[in-house]
Protein backbone atom coordinates (compact mmCIF):
# COMPACT_ATOMS: atom_id res chain seq x y z
CA MET A 1 -37.37 -19.21 4.45
CA ASN A 2 -35.46 -15.90 5.68
CA ARG A 3 -35.21 -14.83 9.12
CA GLU A 4 -34.03 -12.21 11.01
CA LEU A 5 -30.80 -12.70 13.08
CA ALA A 6 -31.52 -12.49 16.63
CA LEU A 7 -29.42 -9.28 18.92
CA ASP A 8 -27.89 -11.95 20.82
CA GLU A 9 -26.93 -14.28 18.35
CA ALA A 10 -23.54 -15.09 17.47
CA ARG A 11 -22.44 -13.42 13.98
CA SER A 12 -21.08 -16.01 11.42
CA ASP A 13 -17.69 -13.56 10.10
CA ILE A 14 -15.06 -15.13 12.02
CA VAL A 15 -13.58 -18.17 13.72
CA VAL A 16 -14.10 -16.82 17.34
CA ALA A 17 -11.51 -17.83 20.15
CA GLU A 18 -12.33 -20.42 22.88
CA ALA A 19 -10.25 -18.17 25.07
CA PRO A 20 -9.03 -14.42 25.10
CA ILE A 21 -5.59 -14.03 23.32
CA ASP A 22 -3.25 -11.68 25.03
CA LEU A 23 -2.61 -8.81 23.19
CA SER A 24 0.56 -7.87 25.12
CA GLY A 25 2.94 -10.52 23.25
CA THR A 26 4.32 -10.22 19.78
CA THR A 27 2.77 -11.26 16.52
CA ARG A 28 4.49 -14.06 16.56
CA GLU A 29 3.10 -14.89 20.10
CA ILE A 30 -0.07 -14.15 19.03
CA ASP A 31 0.25 -15.96 15.97
CA ALA A 32 0.94 -18.86 17.86
CA ALA A 33 -1.99 -18.56 20.21
CA ALA A 34 -4.51 -17.87 17.72
CA LEU A 35 -3.61 -21.33 15.74
CA VAL A 36 -4.13 -23.20 19.44
CA GLN A 37 -7.23 -21.34 19.55
CA SER A 38 -7.97 -22.76 15.96
CA GLN A 39 -7.40 -25.93 16.64
CA ALA A 40 -8.86 -25.92 19.63
CA LEU A 41 -12.17 -24.96 18.12
CA VAL A 42 -11.59 -27.60 15.88
CA GLY A 43 -11.41 -30.61 18.29
CA SER A 44 -14.86 -31.89 17.87
CA LYS A 45 -16.21 -32.46 14.59
CA GLU A 46 -19.93 -31.80 16.17
CA ARG A 47 -18.94 -28.66 16.72
CA ALA A 48 -17.32 -27.61 12.90
CA GLN A 49 -19.99 -28.49 11.78
CA SER A 50 -23.04 -27.51 13.62
CA ASP A 51 -21.27 -23.91 15.22
CA SER A 52 -21.57 -21.86 11.97
CA ALA A 53 -20.12 -18.52 13.89
CA ARG A 54 -16.80 -20.00 13.84
CA ARG A 55 -16.18 -20.12 10.45
CA PRO A 56 -12.70 -18.51 9.46
CA LEU A 57 -12.70 -15.98 6.68
CA ASN A 58 -9.61 -15.26 4.82
CA GLY A 59 -8.36 -17.07 2.07
CA ALA A 60 -5.15 -19.12 2.74
CA GLY A 61 -4.89 -22.91 2.92
CA ALA A 62 -4.94 -24.80 6.30
CA SER A 63 -1.65 -26.00 8.42
CA GLY A 64 -1.04 -29.05 9.72
CA LEU A 65 -4.90 -29.90 11.13
CA SER A 66 -7.33 -32.42 10.80
CA PRO A 67 -8.97 -33.30 7.49
CA ASN A 68 -12.19 -34.01 9.97
CA SER A 69 -11.63 -30.29 10.30
CA LYS A 70 -11.39 -28.87 6.80
CA GLU A 71 -14.58 -26.92 6.60
CA LEU A 72 -13.50 -24.71 9.88
CA THR A 73 -10.04 -24.31 9.11
CA ARG A 74 -9.69 -24.54 5.24
CA ASN A 75 -8.61 -20.66 5.55
CA PHE A 76 -6.27 -20.65 8.49
CA ASP A 77 -2.72 -20.88 8.63
CA GLU A 78 0.09 -19.07 10.44
CA LEU A 79 0.79 -16.44 8.37
CA ARG A 80 -2.93 -15.55 7.11
CA TYR A 81 -5.95 -15.77 9.18
CA SER A 82 -8.75 -14.18 11.01
CA VAL A 83 -9.75 -14.54 14.75
CA ARG A 84 -11.79 -12.99 17.06
CA SER A 85 -11.32 -12.60 21.00
CA TYR A 86 -14.03 -11.86 23.08
CA VAL A 87 -13.31 -9.38 26.25
CA PRO A 88 -14.15 -11.85 29.20
CA LYS A 89 -17.49 -10.75 30.60
CA ASP A 90 -15.89 -9.99 34.39
CA GLU A 91 -13.44 -7.68 32.58
CA GLY A 92 -15.73 -5.97 30.56
CA ARG A 93 -17.43 -6.45 26.50
CA GLY A 94 -16.48 -6.04 23.42
CA TYR A 95 -14.37 -7.89 21.27
CA TRP A 96 -10.70 -7.52 19.87
CA ASP A 97 -10.35 -9.02 15.87
CA LEU A 98 -7.25 -9.56 14.85
CA TYR A 99 -6.29 -10.48 11.12
CA ARG A 100 -2.91 -11.64 9.81
CA VAL A 101 -2.92 -10.57 5.86
CA SER A 102 0.07 -11.27 5.30
CA GLU A 103 3.64 -12.04 7.00
CA ASP A 104 4.47 -8.40 6.62
CA LEU A 105 1.05 -7.09 7.64
CA PHE A 106 -0.79 -7.32 10.81
CA VAL A 107 -4.63 -5.31 11.15
CA LEU A 108 -6.42 -5.38 14.89
CA ILE A 109 -9.90 -3.97 15.22
CA ALA A 110 -11.40 -2.91 18.47
CA ASP A 111 -14.48 -2.17 19.89
CA CYS A 112 -14.69 -2.91 23.29
CA ARG A 113 -15.17 -1.10 27.32
CA TYR A 114 -13.35 -2.76 30.43
CA ASN A 115 -14.78 -2.57 33.89
CA GLU A 116 -11.19 -1.14 34.82
CA ALA A 117 -8.01 0.45 33.19
CA LYS A 118 -6.57 -1.93 31.05
CA TRP A 119 -3.07 -2.16 30.44
CA VAL A 120 -1.99 -3.08 26.40
CA GLY A 121 1.73 -4.17 26.09
CA VAL A 122 3.40 -3.58 22.47
CA PRO A 123 6.84 -4.97 22.57
CA GLY A 124 9.40 -3.89 20.15
CA GLU A 125 9.58 -5.51 16.96
CA ARG A 126 11.37 -3.55 14.29
CA CYS A 127 8.16 -2.25 12.35
CA PHE A 128 5.66 0.71 12.42
CA LYS A 129 2.30 0.59 13.45
CA ILE A 130 -0.48 3.38 12.67
CA ARG A 131 -3.00 3.94 15.15
CA TYR A 132 -6.58 5.21 14.50
CA LEU A 133 -8.82 5.94 17.40
CA ARG A 134 -12.33 6.93 16.55
CA SER A 135 -13.72 7.28 20.34
CA GLY A 136 -12.37 6.84 23.34
CA ALA A 137 -8.42 7.43 24.54
CA LEU A 138 -5.13 5.80 25.02
CA VAL A 139 -3.27 6.64 28.04
CA GLY A 140 0.16 6.05 29.00
CA LYS A 141 2.11 5.05 31.95
CA ASN A 142 2.54 8.80 33.10
CA GLY A 143 -0.84 9.62 32.71
CA GLN A 144 -1.07 11.36 29.62
CA HIS A 145 -3.11 10.82 27.10
CA TYR A 146 -1.17 8.90 24.57
CA LEU A 147 -3.85 9.15 21.60
CA ALA A 148 -7.59 10.50 22.35
CA GLY A 149 -10.19 9.98 19.61
CA ALA A 150 -10.45 10.82 16.92
CA ASN A 151 -6.80 11.31 16.15
CA ALA A 152 -4.01 9.34 14.49
CA MET A 153 -0.61 7.82 15.67
CA PHE A 154 2.67 6.88 13.83
CA SER A 155 5.11 4.59 16.29
CA CYS A 156 8.28 3.17 14.89
CA TYR A 157 9.69 0.73 16.45
CA PRO A 158 13.65 0.22 15.76
CA GLY A 159 14.45 -2.24 18.31
CA ASP A 160 13.94 -4.85 21.25
CA ALA A 161 12.02 -2.07 23.27
CA GLY A 162 8.21 -1.55 23.39
CA ASP A 163 5.59 0.62 24.72
CA GLY A 164 2.10 0.05 26.04
CA TYR A 165 -1.00 2.31 26.96
CA PHE A 166 -3.90 1.97 29.18
CA ILE A 167 -7.66 1.41 27.99
CA PRO A 168 -9.39 3.60 30.65
CA ALA A 169 -11.97 2.07 32.56
CA ASP A 170 -15.43 2.51 31.57
CA THR A 171 -14.54 4.08 28.44
CA ALA A 172 -15.36 3.16 24.84
CA CYS A 173 -12.76 2.49 22.96
CA SER A 174 -12.98 2.12 19.08
CA LEU A 175 -9.47 1.50 17.58
CA VAL A 176 -7.79 0.19 14.60
CA VAL A 177 -3.92 -0.92 14.49
CA VAL A 178 -2.38 -1.71 11.62
CA GLN A 179 1.71 -2.99 11.74
CA CYS A 180 4.19 -3.20 8.72
CA SER A 181 7.59 -5.00 8.87
CA THR A 182 10.50 -3.57 8.15
CA ARG A 183 10.85 -6.23 5.10
CA ALA A 184 8.07 -4.71 3.78
CA LEU A 185 9.15 -1.26 3.52
CA TRP A 186 12.74 -1.61 2.46
CA ASN A 187 11.51 -5.29 -0.18
CA GLU A 188 8.04 -4.70 -0.79
CA LEU A 189 7.71 -0.97 -1.14
CA GLY A 190 11.33 -0.23 -2.25
CA ILE A 191 12.11 2.03 -0.48
CA ASP A 192 16.03 2.54 -0.21
CA PRO A 193 16.20 2.47 3.97
CA GLU A 194 19.31 5.33 3.16
CA GLN A 195 17.23 7.70 1.88
CA ALA A 196 14.08 6.86 4.10
CA PRO A 197 11.59 10.09 5.43
CA MET A 198 12.17 10.35 9.14
CA PRO A 199 11.11 8.49 11.16
CA LEU A 200 11.38 5.52 8.96
CA LYS A 201 14.73 5.97 9.05
CA ASP A 202 15.22 5.14 12.48
CA LEU A 203 14.06 1.68 11.26
CA ALA A 204 17.09 1.12 8.87
CA THR A 205 19.39 1.41 12.03
CA ASP A 206 21.38 -1.70 13.93
CA GLU A 207 21.10 0.02 16.96
CA ASN A 208 18.60 -0.58 19.44
CA GLN A 209 16.54 2.64 20.30
CA ALA A 210 13.62 3.16 22.42
CA PRO A 211 10.21 3.87 20.52
CA GLN A 212 9.59 6.66 18.69
CA ALA A 213 5.63 7.69 18.16
CA ARG A 214 3.93 11.18 17.40
CA THR A 215 0.21 12.09 16.43
CA PHE A 216 -0.38 13.33 12.87
CA GLU A 217 -3.07 14.46 11.08
CA PRO A 218 -4.54 11.85 8.90
CA THR A 219 -5.25 12.90 5.34
CA ALA A 220 -8.97 12.91 4.13
CA PRO A 221 -8.32 9.11 2.29
CA ILE A 222 -6.94 7.59 5.17
CA SER A 223 -9.68 8.71 7.62
CA ARG A 224 -12.20 7.23 5.35
CA ALA A 225 -9.93 4.20 5.26
CA PHE A 226 -10.22 3.38 8.67
CA ALA A 227 -13.49 4.30 9.10
CA ASP A 228 -13.62 1.70 6.61
CA LEU A 229 -12.46 -0.62 8.61
CA LEU A 230 -14.46 0.11 11.88
CA ASP A 231 -17.43 -0.49 9.70
CA SER A 232 -16.66 -2.90 8.04
CA ARG A 233 -18.51 -5.94 10.61
CA ASP A 234 -21.37 -4.51 9.42
CA LEU A 235 -21.15 -3.83 5.86
CA PHE A 236 -19.82 -6.85 4.59
CA GLU A 237 -20.73 -11.03 4.79
CA ALA A 238 -18.02 -13.14 6.24
CA ASN A 239 -16.27 -14.34 2.98
CA LEU A 240 -15.75 -10.39 1.90
CA ARG A 241 -14.46 -8.98 5.12
CA GLY A 242 -11.30 -10.16 5.08
CA TRP A 243 -10.78 -9.18 1.44
CA PHE A 244 -11.19 -6.17 2.40
CA VAL A 245 -9.82 -5.79 5.40
CA GLU A 246 -6.42 -6.62 3.47
CA ALA A 247 -7.07 -4.07 1.07
CA LYS A 248 -7.45 -1.24 3.04
CA ALA A 249 -4.67 -1.92 5.35
CA ARG A 250 -2.84 -1.83 2.29
CA GLU A 251 -4.40 1.57 1.49
CA ILE A 252 -3.54 3.52 4.54
CA ILE A 253 0.43 1.95 4.53
CA ALA A 254 0.66 3.46 1.25
CA SER A 255 -1.14 6.48 1.98
CA PHE A 256 0.85 7.21 4.98
CA VAL A 257 4.29 6.50 3.27
CA GLN A 258 3.63 8.55 -0.01
CA LEU A 259 2.78 11.62 2.78
CA LEU A 260 5.97 11.12 4.64
CA LEU A 261 7.48 10.65 1.28
CA GLN A 262 5.87 13.82 -0.14
CA LYS A 263 8.47 16.89 0.11
CA PRO A 264 6.19 19.75 1.12
CA ASP A 265 3.90 22.09 -1.28
CA LEU A 266 6.67 24.37 -2.08
CA ARG A 267 5.11 25.79 -5.11
CA ILE A 268 7.99 25.65 -7.23
CA GLY A 269 9.19 27.60 -10.09
CA ASN A 270 8.12 30.68 -12.25
CA ASN A 271 4.40 29.16 -12.87
CA ARG A 272 3.56 28.20 -9.10
CA LEU A 273 3.06 24.91 -9.51
CA SER A 274 1.29 23.11 -6.47
CA ARG A 275 2.21 19.08 -5.93
CA ARG A 276 -0.46 18.32 -8.04
CA ASP A 277 0.50 20.30 -10.65
CA ARG A 278 3.79 17.80 -11.03
CA HIS A 279 2.18 14.81 -10.80
CA ARG A 280 -0.10 15.82 -13.42
CA ILE A 281 2.34 17.18 -15.37
CA LEU A 282 4.67 13.92 -14.96
CA GLU A 283 1.63 11.86 -15.79
CA ALA A 284 1.34 14.23 -19.04
CA LYS A 285 4.77 12.59 -19.69
CA GLU A 286 4.10 9.25 -19.18
CA ILE A 287 1.08 9.18 -21.46
CA VAL A 288 3.25 10.78 -24.10
CA LEU A 289 6.10 8.19 -23.89
CA ALA A 290 3.43 5.46 -24.15
CA ASN A 291 2.07 6.55 -27.43
CA ILE A 292 5.21 7.95 -28.76
CA ASP A 293 4.01 6.64 -32.23
CA ASN A 294 0.19 8.60 -31.89
CA VAL A 295 0.75 11.70 -29.61
CA PRO A 296 -2.55 13.19 -27.83
CA THR A 297 -2.94 16.43 -29.18
CA ILE A 298 -2.10 19.21 -26.43
CA PRO A 299 -5.80 19.91 -26.14
CA GLU A 300 -6.50 16.08 -25.70
CA LEU A 301 -3.24 15.82 -23.55
CA ALA A 302 -4.58 18.70 -21.03
CA HIS A 303 -8.18 17.01 -21.33
CA MET A 304 -6.84 13.79 -20.17
CA VAL A 305 -4.60 15.30 -17.05
CA GLY A 306 -7.29 17.70 -16.42
CA MET A 307 -5.22 20.85 -16.49
CA ASN A 308 -5.43 23.80 -18.81
CA GLN A 309 -3.49 23.88 -21.85
CA THR A 310 -1.53 27.10 -20.91
CA LYS A 311 -0.68 25.71 -17.37
CA LEU A 312 0.10 22.30 -19.06
CA LYS A 313 2.66 23.80 -21.43
CA ALA A 314 4.56 26.02 -19.59
CA GLY A 315 4.50 23.60 -16.63
CA PHE A 316 5.71 20.82 -18.79
CA LYS A 317 8.95 22.84 -20.08
CA GLU A 318 9.65 23.75 -16.51
CA ILE A 319 9.69 20.31 -15.15
CA VAL A 320 10.65 18.48 -17.38
CA GLY A 321 12.96 20.82 -19.04
CA SER A 322 11.38 21.33 -22.91
CA THR A 323 8.08 22.17 -24.52
CA ILE A 324 5.82 19.49 -24.79
CA GLY A 325 6.50 19.50 -28.81
CA ALA A 326 10.57 19.42 -28.43
CA PHE A 327 10.01 16.28 -26.17
CA VAL A 328 7.69 14.46 -28.87
CA SER A 329 10.20 15.14 -31.53
CA ARG A 330 13.45 13.68 -29.84
CA ASN A 331 11.96 10.71 -28.35
CA GLN A 332 10.56 10.26 -31.59
CA MET A 333 13.59 10.21 -33.64
CA ASN A 334 15.24 8.02 -30.93
CA LEU A 335 12.20 5.78 -31.82
CA ALA A 336 13.04 6.09 -35.90
CA ALA A 337 16.81 5.98 -35.29
CA LYS A 338 16.04 2.15 -33.36
CA MET A 339 13.95 1.24 -35.95
CA LEU A 340 16.45 2.26 -39.16
CA THR A 341 19.19 -0.18 -37.58
CA SER A 342 17.04 -3.13 -36.06
CA THR A 343 14.43 -3.42 -39.12
CA ASP A 344 14.19 -2.96 -42.64
CA LEU A 345 11.41 -0.39 -43.07
CA SER A 346 11.97 2.18 -45.69
CA VAL A 347 12.66 5.52 -44.78
CA SER A 348 9.03 6.41 -46.20
CA ARG A 349 7.38 3.69 -44.31
CA ILE A 350 9.37 4.63 -40.56
CA SER A 351 8.12 8.31 -41.24
CA GLN A 352 4.01 7.55 -42.31
CA SER A 353 4.21 5.66 -38.81
CA PHE A 354 5.23 9.03 -36.96
CA GLY A 355 2.17 11.12 -38.70
CA PHE A 356 4.97 12.60 -41.02
CA ARG A 357 2.78 12.86 -44.49
CA HIS A 358 5.94 14.13 -46.25
CA PRO A 359 9.07 11.93 -46.08
CA GLY A 360 10.98 15.53 -46.76
CA ASN A 361 9.69 16.68 -43.25
CA PHE A 362 10.55 13.51 -41.31
CA THR A 363 14.57 13.37 -43.03
CA GLN A 364 14.41 17.52 -41.68
CA ALA A 365 13.24 16.76 -38.02
CA PHE A 366 15.99 13.95 -37.83
CA LYS A 367 18.66 15.54 -39.36
CA ARG A 368 18.10 18.40 -36.64
CA HIS A 369 17.90 15.73 -33.82
CA LEU A 370 20.94 13.13 -34.76
CA GLY A 371 23.00 15.43 -36.83
CA ARG A 372 22.83 13.46 -40.72
CA ALA A 373 19.75 12.34 -42.51
CA PRO A 374 17.96 9.18 -41.98
CA ARG A 375 20.17 6.77 -45.30
CA ASP A 376 23.37 8.40 -44.27
CA TYR A 377 22.27 7.47 -40.58
CA ARG A 378 21.12 3.72 -41.13
CA ARG A 379 24.30 3.34 -43.57
CA GLN A 380 26.83 4.00 -40.99
CA VAL A 381 25.73 2.78 -38.06
CA THR A 382 24.74 -0.59 -39.93
CA GLY A 383 28.10 -0.38 -41.55
CA LEU A 384 29.66 -0.40 -38.49
CA VAL A 385 28.34 -3.32 -36.92
CA GLN A 386 29.14 -5.09 -39.99
CA ASP A 387 32.66 -4.12 -39.84
CA THR A 388 33.01 -4.68 -36.17
CA PRO A 389 35.26 -7.87 -35.96
CA SER A 390 33.59 -10.87 -34.20
CA GLN A 391 34.01 -11.47 -30.56
CA GLY A 392 35.08 -15.24 -29.51
CA ASN A 393 33.29 -16.66 -26.53
CA HIS A 394 35.37 -16.37 -23.52
């Protein structure tokens, strides 16, 4: 028989630390502290079996812990875990949820209130952080607001120097911090350090620079993703929340980097194309290339990308440099040329594969594009290949 969960009953959605974790350390120091806490929790087999509030949430393998603690720690390792650190009763109330999503991605979710101003130090780690404050305030050493809810901030840590902020006394703080390493930027996201937009480019320098921070207006998707993270505690079952946090953290990073990479909406060209229009036209181009042997009609293509036909045709010529028909013909003839020289298919069969009802029409199109008839092209290219002297092994 199911029963209702008492309000003061511990939730079974995350490993709970035995003691508060120092959030002012580096992520590696926090990793080590979280692992120590996890090991402490499984010191007693009876506790591991009976205390459902200390079950883990994420999906990686256990690391160097006792087999008797498997049920508790099966999802905990040094680079992927979830741990809750409660605010000590004599300091206030609330908690910080720590999620190590991957080696390069770290997430903090806070819902806390301190009796006295709480200093949170932030060390330099060659990373960037995106903070979203739904309520409360973060105050710098100079007494000025570092961030005030509801707002977002991007901070870049290109060197060893860090910074920090106070959480004011008796102020409800609802905060998310998503941290990403520079390695993920350059290697996983494929951003060229030399071509990176500011302020990401600061992370590419070898100089030991001071942190850079600025507030920004989050887009609607970024705001929704942060709100979803803050609300996830009450929305998801234990074994699902970690996956959800990971997905939302990656969504935030991708959306923010895309925001930095986007150029201002200049309404380019005679047709006053917006950034949205440009993306849709490039999408249409990719659809054509992916279906070059059976290209959608212009009305079908316009419907697929959500543009009217007139704007699609004019914009395609402006962005791609040719009409849709010329682009299709050029790419079809390039593929036909490849088929002529790499297969034994007849000219008639090749022409039919591109929707030509009459081989003569195909021949004319091919000759316009490549300067000779299909049979002449095949004879010349294959003859050159046959006449090429064999190359010895080197």
